Structures are given as C-alpha cells and as structure tokens.
C-alpha cells in the first residue's frame, strides 16, 4: 500500500473552510491518477515541519542530529 503525503505553506489568516478547496483538488487528482476515489483524506492547516524540513526551507543544516559511534 502506498500513501502520499504533502506539506505546503506557510500562511496565516485563513478564512473558515479554507481546507475544502484543497481537499477537493486532491481528491480529484487522486481519482484521475489511481482510477478510484480516496478512502480517506487527512488534511488541515495545523501541520508543522520537522526540523529537517524546516532546515531545507531556511537553507541551513538541521540543528539537531544524532552522532553514531
């Protein structure tokens, strides 16, 4: 089984229901690509970036890393 994930942003001051147009677009694209409707869509504007993702956005090295010996 494959699950596609996406994080996009950043923005503030979103109107009520701002997630709906994106859910519709993703569901339509998913159906075109796979030939079936999605069983679920978990989405929302409350996601956060991992430290590694934030480092990419800010064009820097990640701050926390594991040193293996």
C-alpha atoms as a PDB file:
ATOM      1  CA  UNK A   1       0.000   0.000   0.000  1.00  0.00           C
ATOM      2  CA  UNK A   2       1.209   3.487  -0.805  1.00  0.00           C
ATOM      3  CA  UNK A   3       0.182   6.705   0.951  1.00  0.00           C
ATOM      4  CA  UNK A   4       1.066  10.110  -0.484  1.00  0.00           C
ATOM      5  CA  UNK A   5       1.877  12.950   1.883  1.00  0.00           C
ATOM      6  CA  UNK A   6       2.284  16.670   1.259  1.00  0.00           C
ATOM      7  CA  UNK A   7       3.090  19.734   3.345  1.00  0.00           C
ATOM      8  CA  UNK A   8       2.632  23.161   1.781  1.00  0.00           C
ATOM      9  CA  UNK A   9       2.790  26.636   3.242  1.00  0.00           C
ATOM     10  CA  UNK A  10       3.255  28.845   5.035  1.00  0.00           C
ATOM     11  CA  UNK A  11       0.379  31.251   5.520  1.00  0.00           C
ATOM     12  CA  UNK A  12      -1.727  32.964   8.163  1.00  0.00           C
ATOM     13  CA  UNK A  13      -5.196  34.496   8.370  1.00  0.00           C
ATOM     14  CA  UNK A  14      -7.180  31.794   6.597  1.00  0.00           C
ATOM     15  CA  UNK A  15     -10.943  32.045   6.234  1.00  0.00           C
ATOM     16  CA  UNK A  16     -13.253  29.415   7.723  1.00  0.00           C
ATOM     17  CA  UNK A  17     -13.370  26.341   5.476  1.00  0.00           C
ATOM     18  CA  UNK A  18     -10.072  27.113   3.745  1.00  0.00           C
ATOM     19  CA  UNK A  19      -9.224  23.398   3.654  1.00  0.00           C
ATOM     20  CA  UNK A  20     -12.180  22.405   1.452  1.00  0.00           C
ATOM     21  CA  UNK A  21     -10.887  23.640  -1.954  1.00  0.00           C
ATOM     22  CA  UNK A  22      -7.594  21.826  -1.408  1.00  0.00           C
ATOM     23  CA  UNK A  23      -9.343  18.610  -0.314  1.00  0.00           C
ATOM     24  CA  UNK A  24     -11.500  18.703  -3.465  1.00  0.00           C
ATOM     25  CA  UNK A  25      -8.476  19.288  -5.722  1.00  0.00           C
ATOM     26  CA  UNK A  26      -6.513  16.467  -4.104  1.00  0.00           C
ATOM     27  CA  UNK A  27      -9.460  14.047  -4.271  1.00  0.00           C
ATOM     28  CA  UNK A  28      -9.958  14.829  -7.964  1.00  0.00           C
ATOM     29  CA  UNK A  29      -6.253  14.386  -8.768  1.00  0.00           C
ATOM     30  CA  UNK A  30      -6.108  11.148  -6.757  1.00  0.00           C
ATOM     31  CA  UNK A  31      -9.087   9.762  -8.665  1.00  0.00           C
ATOM     32  CA  UNK A  32      -7.574  10.706 -12.045  1.00  0.00           C
ATOM     33  CA  UNK A  33      -4.253   9.053 -11.157  1.00  0.00           C
ATOM     34  CA  UNK A  34      -5.497   5.893  -9.417  1.00  0.00           C
ATOM     35  CA  UNK A  35      -8.889   5.359 -11.037  1.00  0.00           C
ATOM     36  CA  UNK A  36     -10.651   5.204  -7.657  1.00  0.00           C
ATOM     37  CA  UNK A  37     -11.883   7.658  -5.071  1.00  0.00           C
ATOM     38  CA  UNK A  38      -9.748   8.057  -1.934  1.00  0.00           C
ATOM     39  CA  UNK A  39     -10.708   6.022   1.123  1.00  0.00           C
ATOM     40  CA  UNK A  40      -9.607   8.911   3.333  1.00  0.00           C
ATOM     41  CA  UNK A  41      -8.039  12.356   3.295  1.00  0.00           C
ATOM     42  CA  UNK A  42      -6.383  13.623   6.464  1.00  0.00           C
ATOM     43  CA  UNK A  43      -5.624  17.281   5.976  1.00  0.00           C
ATOM     44  CA  UNK A  44      -5.680  20.580   7.764  1.00  0.00           C
ATOM     45  CA  UNK A  45      -3.797  23.782   8.285  1.00  0.00           C
ATOM     46  CA  UNK A  46      -2.317  22.770  11.658  1.00  0.00           C
ATOM     47  CA  UNK A  47       0.666  20.734  10.431  1.00  0.00           C
ATOM     48  CA  UNK A  48       4.246  21.530  11.405  1.00  0.00           C
ATOM     49  CA  UNK A  49       7.552  20.901   9.683  1.00  0.00           C
ATOM     50  CA  UNK A  50      10.144  18.568  11.118  1.00  0.00           C
ATOM     51  CA  UNK A  51      13.496  20.138  11.995  1.00  0.00           C
ATOM     52  CA  UNK A  52      14.980  18.650   8.810  1.00  0.00           C
ATOM     53  CA  UNK A  53      12.152  20.073   6.666  1.00  0.00           C
ATOM     54  CA  UNK A  54      12.475  23.499   8.334  1.00  0.00           C
ATOM     55  CA  UNK A  55      16.232  23.439   7.656  1.00  0.00           C
ATOM     56  CA  UNK A  56      15.563  22.858   3.946  1.00  0.00           C
ATOM     57  CA  UNK A  57      13.068  25.744   3.853  1.00  0.00           C
ATOM     58  CA  UNK A  58      15.570  28.004   5.622  1.00  0.00           C
ATOM     59  CA  UNK A  59      18.535  26.765   3.528  1.00  0.00           C
ATOM     60  CA  UNK A  60      20.577  25.620   6.517  1.00  0.00           C
ATOM     61  CA  UNK A  61      21.798  22.463   8.215  1.00  0.00           C
ATOM     62  CA  UNK A  62      19.433  20.789  10.691  1.00  0.00           C
ATOM     63  CA  UNK A  63      20.024  21.869  14.286  1.00  0.00           C
ATOM     64  CA  UNK A  64      19.515  18.522  15.962  1.00  0.00           C
ATOM     65  CA  UNK A  65      21.265  15.462  14.691  1.00  0.00           C
ATOM     66  CA  UNK A  66      22.329  12.101  16.034  1.00  0.00           C
ATOM     67  CA  UNK A  67      26.014  11.225  16.274  1.00  0.00           C
ATOM     68  CA  UNK A  68      26.560   7.488  15.978  1.00  0.00           C
ATOM     69  CA  UNK A  69      29.767   5.929  17.244  1.00  0.00           C
END
